[in-house]
Every structure is written in structure tokens, then in C-alpha cells.
Amino acid sequence: MNIQVLQGLLLPFLGTSLGAAFVFFMRQDMSTQTKRMMTGFASGIMVSASFFSLLEPALEQAKTVGPVVCGFLLGMGFLLFLDVVIPHTHMDDQEEGPANHLQKSTKLLFAVTLHNLPEGMAVGIVYAGWLAHPNAVSGAFALALGIAIQNIPEGAIVSMPLHAAGMSKPKTFLAGVGSGAVEPIGALLTIWLSHWILPWMPVLLAFAAGAMMYVVVEELIPEMSEGEHSNWGTICFALGFVLMLILE
């Protein structure tokens, strides 16, 4: 495999692993303000990436807007389906999915895995297009780097509640690393299927954008805004958005 592609696929995974490693250096859970700032920053990067790395090239490649609209709605619907059928717990301890007897730490892990899935899909789809037509889909590395950067605070936000839920620090770190593994695995699977999916590239780019936007609107922004009003989450959202714009 092209070394540039391998580096791009591993970057988001490394970001999650680095964020999960924060558990070794923090004695207690992060403050609400810090969580808001990190969540806002991650949200800004994901929204910017959805527009400039996914939807914009999808619109450029599609002859009409129809495939892009369908792909976006399918991506939102796919994450909605997973959100309903997979039991998981949000950072505010709100549980979703079918009734179950799973441990809180397991459901927290499922939640972050749901976050990482659309990101892995997005990187895989963009790199599949880049391999087939190097000039057709731009910003593949920028997308991978942007997701890796936003995965650092996301990994840290997840690792601390897992530790607070009873996991030891080494197990928490390994769980965070494992949750991030879905990204390169999903990206590799996408590239392996690229021969069949390339004709549908505009739809798939929009699909990945819809899946990422679902995570932002359904989970990250509510977590950023809950409780006492704070402007810091919004400021960090803007910083994340601008950073991804610069990377593009």
C-alpha cells in the first residue's frame, strides 16, 4: 500500500490513542468547562471537514445535487439507526439504545466507537478517491490530520469517565485505543471495496458527511451546551472550524 495512504489512515487512530493516554497524567476527571472547550473544538473540526473535505468535492463530482442530498440523508439515517440499536452512554450519563445489563464503562466505550465510525469511513472514502484519481479529491491528508487533531481531546474526554467508572488506567488506555481502531479498519475496508464504490463517490462522500454531522448535532453540541451557559465551547468551536479550514 502507498506509504502516504497508510500514514493518512493511521493518523486518526494515533490521535485517539494520544488522547486516551491523558488518563496517565490526570489525577481526576476534567472540569465541565474543559470538557465543553474540547467538545466544541472537536465539533468545529468535524463540521468544517464535513463541508470542505466531503460535501464540496461531492458537489463538484456530481452532475446534479440529487446524489449528494441522498447520500447525506442516508449517512444521517445510518448513524440514527446505530444510535437506536446499540446501547451506549453519553458523557452526561444519559443512556440510549435498547434495555440492557451492560456495565457503564462498556456503554461509554460503545459511545466513543459510534463517534469514530463515521470518521474512519470519511478518511477511507477520500483516500479511495485519491488513489483512483489523484486530482479528483483534494485534501485527503488534511482531512486525516484534522480528524486526528480532534480525536486527541475526544480521546481524553472519554478516557477520564472510563477510569471514573472503575477501570484501571492501563485498561482505560487500552479501551480508548481499541475504540479508535475502528477508524483504520473501516478506512481499509472502504479502500478494499473501492473498485465497486468509486462510481458512487459523490454519494459516499455525502454519506460520510451526513454521518459526521449526526454525531455533531446529536451528541457533541448538546454536551458542549448543557448546564450553565458558557461561551468557551462556542469559541473553541470557531477555532476548530477555522483550523480545519486552514488545513484545507
Protein backbone atom coordinates (compact mmCIF):
# COMPACT_ATOMS: atom_id res chain seq x y z
CA MET A 1 0.00 0.00 0.00
CA ASN A 2 1.14 3.56 -0.73
CA ILE A 3 3.02 4.87 2.34
CA GLN A 4 1.12 8.17 2.12
CA VAL A 5 -2.18 6.33 2.32
CA LEU A 6 -1.01 4.23 5.28
CA GLN A 7 0.09 7.34 7.14
CA GLY A 8 -3.23 9.01 6.46
CA LEU A 9 -5.24 6.02 7.67
CA LEU A 10 -3.24 5.72 10.89
CA LEU A 11 -3.28 9.41 11.82
CA PRO A 12 -6.82 9.48 13.33
CA PHE A 13 -6.08 6.28 15.26
CA LEU A 14 -2.90 7.83 16.68
CA GLY A 15 -4.86 10.91 17.70
CA THR A 16 -7.36 8.82 19.66
CA SER A 17 -4.54 6.84 21.29
CA LEU A 18 -2.74 10.02 22.33
CA GLY A 19 -5.93 11.41 23.83
CA ALA A 20 -6.58 8.16 25.71
CA ALA A 21 -3.05 8.38 27.17
CA PHE A 22 -4.10 11.54 29.05
CA VAL A 23 -5.52 9.22 31.71
CA PHE A 24 -1.96 8.53 32.91
CA PHE A 25 -1.29 12.23 33.56
CA MET A 26 -4.57 13.44 35.06
CA ARG A 27 -5.40 12.64 38.66
CA GLN A 28 -9.12 13.32 38.40
CA ASP A 29 -11.88 13.91 35.89
CA MET A 30 -11.76 17.04 33.75
CA SER A 31 -13.76 20.08 34.72
CA THR A 32 -17.04 20.78 32.94
CA GLN A 33 -15.51 23.87 31.36
CA THR A 34 -12.58 21.91 29.94
CA LYS A 35 -14.92 19.27 28.52
CA ARG A 36 -17.02 21.97 26.87
CA MET A 37 -13.97 23.56 25.30
CA MET A 38 -12.62 20.25 23.98
CA THR A 39 -16.03 19.14 22.71
CA GLY A 40 -16.57 22.49 21.00
CA PHE A 41 -13.15 22.28 19.33
CA ALA A 42 -13.85 18.74 18.08
CA SER A 43 -17.28 19.81 16.81
CA GLY A 44 -15.81 22.71 14.85
CA ILE A 45 -13.30 20.46 13.10
CA MET A 46 -15.95 17.86 12.22
CA VAL A 47 -18.40 20.44 10.81
CA SER A 48 -15.66 22.11 8.76
CA ALA A 49 -14.40 18.74 7.49
CA SER A 50 -17.93 17.70 6.56
CA PHE A 51 -18.33 20.76 4.33
CA PHE A 52 -14.90 21.34 2.83
CA SER A 53 -13.46 17.79 2.67
CA LEU A 54 -16.62 15.85 1.88
CA LEU A 55 -19.64 17.85 0.67
CA GLU A 56 -17.72 20.31 -1.51
CA PRO A 57 -15.90 17.60 -3.55
CA ALA A 58 -19.13 15.59 -3.69
CA LEU A 59 -20.94 18.55 -5.26
CA GLU A 60 -18.05 19.07 -7.69
CA GLN A 61 -18.17 15.46 -8.87
CA ALA A 62 -21.93 15.03 -9.04
CA LYS A 63 -23.74 16.18 -12.15
CA THR A 64 -26.78 17.08 -10.06
CA VAL A 65 -27.39 17.80 -6.39
CA GLY A 66 -29.66 14.75 -6.01
CA PRO A 67 -26.95 12.15 -5.25
CA VAL A 68 -25.37 14.46 -2.66
CA VAL A 69 -28.69 15.06 -0.91
CA CYS A 70 -29.49 11.32 -0.89
CA GLY A 71 -26.04 10.41 0.40
CA PHE A 72 -26.19 13.00 3.18
CA LEU A 73 -29.61 11.82 4.38
CA LEU A 74 -28.53 8.17 4.18
CA GLY A 75 -25.49 8.95 6.33
CA MET A 76 -27.66 10.67 8.92
CA GLY A 77 -30.12 7.77 8.83
CA PHE A 78 -27.36 5.16 9.20
CA LEU A 79 -25.99 6.80 12.36
CA LEU A 80 -29.54 7.25 13.67
CA PHE A 81 -30.08 3.51 13.22
CA LEU A 82 -26.86 2.66 15.07
CA ASP A 83 -27.77 5.16 17.79
CA VAL A 84 -31.07 3.34 18.35
CA VAL A 85 -29.89 -0.28 18.21
CA ILE A 86 -26.54 -0.04 20.04
CA PRO A 87 -26.71 0.52 23.83
CA HIS A 88 -24.41 3.34 24.86
CA THR A 89 -23.95 6.06 27.47
CA HIS A 90 -23.19 9.71 26.81
CA MET A 91 -20.78 11.84 28.80
CA ASP A 92 -23.70 13.24 30.84
CA ASP A 93 -24.67 9.66 31.89
CA GLN A 94 -27.73 9.68 29.63
CA GLU A 95 -28.31 6.16 28.30
CA GLU A 96 -29.63 5.35 24.84
CA GLY A 97 -30.43 2.18 22.93
CA PRO A 98 -32.29 -0.99 23.96
CA ALA A 99 -32.58 -2.08 27.58
CA ASN A 100 -29.51 -3.99 28.74
CA HIS A 101 -27.40 -5.03 31.70
CA LEU A 102 -24.04 -3.89 30.36
CA GLN A 103 -21.58 -2.08 32.59
CA LYS A 104 -21.40 1.70 32.33
CA SER A 105 -17.80 1.52 31.11
CA THR A 106 -18.83 -0.77 28.25
CA LYS A 107 -21.61 1.58 27.17
CA LEU A 108 -19.25 4.55 27.30
CA LEU A 109 -16.89 2.61 25.05
CA PHE A 110 -19.72 1.91 22.60
CA ALA A 111 -20.49 5.64 22.53
CA VAL A 112 -16.98 6.68 21.50
CA THR A 113 -16.86 3.86 18.94
CA LEU A 114 -20.01 5.33 17.39
CA HIS A 115 -18.18 8.67 17.22
CA ASN A 116 -15.17 7.15 15.49
CA LEU A 117 -17.02 5.08 12.89
CA PRO A 118 -18.05 7.91 10.52
CA GLU A 119 -14.60 9.45 10.81
CA GLY A 120 -12.94 6.23 9.64
CA MET A 121 -15.45 5.97 6.81
CA ALA A 122 -14.74 9.54 5.73
CA VAL A 123 -10.96 9.04 5.61
CA GLY A 124 -11.31 5.75 3.72
CA ILE A 125 -13.67 7.20 1.13
CA VAL A 126 -11.49 10.24 0.47
CA TYR A 127 -8.32 8.17 0.16
CA ALA A 128 -10.07 5.66 -2.12
CA GLY A 129 -10.94 8.53 -4.42
CA TRP A 130 -7.43 9.96 -4.18
CA LEU A 131 -5.87 6.61 -5.16
CA ALA A 132 -8.10 6.32 -8.21
CA HIS A 133 -7.94 9.95 -9.30
CA PRO A 134 -5.18 11.93 -7.51
CA ASN A 135 -6.56 15.23 -8.78
CA ALA A 136 -10.24 14.45 -8.28
CA VAL A 137 -10.43 14.52 -4.48
CA SER A 138 -8.19 17.03 -2.77
CA GLY A 139 -7.33 17.41 0.89
CA ALA A 140 -7.14 13.69 1.82
CA PHE A 141 -4.21 14.21 4.18
CA ALA A 142 -5.74 17.43 5.54
CA LEU A 143 -8.91 15.51 6.44
CA ALA A 144 -6.92 12.74 8.16
CA LEU A 145 -4.83 15.29 10.07
CA GLY A 146 -7.87 17.33 11.10
CA ILE A 147 -9.67 14.25 12.42
CA ALA A 148 -6.51 13.18 14.25
CA ILE A 149 -6.30 16.58 15.96
CA GLN A 150 -9.94 16.48 17.05
CA ASN A 151 -9.51 12.88 18.24
CA ILE A 152 -6.96 14.00 20.85
CA PRO A 153 -9.44 15.93 23.03
CA GLU A 154 -12.16 13.41 22.23
CA GLY A 155 -9.95 10.55 23.43
CA ALA A 156 -9.15 12.47 26.61
CA ILE A 157 -12.82 13.27 27.25
CA VAL A 158 -13.65 9.56 27.03
CA SER A 159 -10.72 8.15 28.98
CA MET A 160 -11.45 10.00 32.20
CA PRO A 161 -15.10 8.82 32.59
CA LEU A 162 -14.00 5.25 31.83
CA HIS A 163 -11.47 5.48 34.64
CA ALA A 164 -14.06 7.08 36.93
CA ALA A 165 -16.43 4.20 36.12
CA GLY A 166 -14.00 1.73 37.67
CA MET A 167 -11.46 0.83 35.01
CA SER A 168 -7.78 0.86 35.87
CA LYS A 169 -5.63 3.37 33.98
CA PRO A 170 -3.92 0.75 31.76
CA LYS A 171 -7.28 -0.84 30.87
CA THR A 172 -8.79 2.59 30.21
CA PHE A 173 -5.94 3.41 27.84
CA LEU A 174 -6.28 0.09 26.00
CA ALA A 175 -10.06 0.57 25.76
CA GLY A 176 -9.54 4.02 24.25
CA VAL A 177 -7.02 2.63 21.77
CA GLY A 178 -9.43 -0.18 20.88
CA SER A 179 -12.27 2.27 20.25
CA GLY A 180 -10.02 4.18 17.86
CA ALA A 181 -9.10 1.01 15.95
CA VAL A 182 -12.46 1.13 14.18
CA GLU A 183 -11.17 4.10 12.16
CA PRO A 184 -8.26 2.48 10.26
CA ILE A 185 -10.19 -0.79 9.97
CA GLY A 186 -13.19 0.97 8.45
CA ALA A 187 -10.94 3.03 6.19
CA LEU A 188 -9.04 -0.04 4.96
CA LEU A 189 -12.30 -1.87 4.26
CA THR A 190 -13.54 1.11 2.28
CA ILE A 191 -10.36 1.21 0.18
CA TRP A 192 -10.56 -2.57 -0.39
CA LEU A 193 -14.07 -2.07 -1.77
CA SER A 194 -13.04 0.97 -3.80
CA HIS A 195 -13.37 -0.84 -7.14
CA TRP A 196 -17.11 -1.10 -6.54
CA ILE A 197 -17.70 2.17 -4.69
CA LEU A 198 -15.84 4.65 -6.92
CA PRO A 199 -18.79 5.14 -9.31
CA TRP A 200 -20.79 6.18 -6.25
CA MET A 201 -18.14 8.54 -4.87
CA PRO A 202 -20.35 11.68 -4.63
CA VAL A 203 -22.98 9.70 -2.72
CA LEU A 204 -20.40 8.16 -0.40
CA LEU A 205 -18.66 11.44 0.33
CA ALA A 206 -22.03 12.96 1.25
CA PHE A 207 -22.88 9.81 3.26
CA ALA A 208 -19.74 10.26 5.39
CA ALA A 209 -20.57 13.95 5.83
CA GLY A 210 -24.09 13.11 6.99
CA ALA A 211 -22.79 10.54 9.46
CA MET A 212 -20.30 13.02 10.93
CA MET A 213 -22.91 15.76 11.16
CA TYR A 214 -25.25 13.40 13.00
CA VAL A 215 -22.61 12.86 15.69
CA VAL A 216 -22.03 16.61 16.00
CA VAL A 217 -25.70 17.63 16.22
CA GLU A 218 -26.96 14.68 18.26
CA GLU A 219 -24.16 14.34 20.78
CA LEU A 220 -21.27 16.80 20.71
CA ILE A 221 -23.12 20.12 20.56
CA PRO A 222 -25.64 19.16 23.29
CA GLU A 223 -22.76 18.05 25.53
CA MET A 224 -20.96 21.32 24.79
CA SER A 225 -24.01 23.44 25.66
CA GLU A 226 -25.65 21.64 28.59
CA GLY A 227 -25.83 23.14 32.05
CA GLU A 228 -24.74 26.67 32.88
CA HIS A 229 -24.29 28.85 29.81
CA SER A 230 -20.73 29.21 28.61
CA ASN A 231 -19.22 30.97 25.61
CA TRP A 232 -16.00 28.97 25.71
CA GLY A 233 -17.48 25.98 23.92
CA THR A 234 -18.65 28.25 21.09
CA ILE A 235 -15.27 29.99 20.88
CA CYS A 236 -13.47 26.65 20.66
CA PHE A 237 -15.97 25.50 18.01
CA ALA A 238 -14.94 28.50 15.91
CA LEU A 239 -11.24 27.75 16.47
CA GLY A 240 -11.70 24.13 15.39
CA PHE A 241 -13.66 25.17 12.32
CA VAL A 242 -11.01 27.70 11.28
CA LEU A 243 -8.16 25.26 11.91
CA MET A 244 -9.72 22.71 9.55
CA LEU A 245 -10.33 25.45 7.00
CA ILE A 246 -6.63 26.39 7.16
CA LEU A 247 -5.58 22.75 6.77
CA GLU A 248 -7.70 22.53 3.64
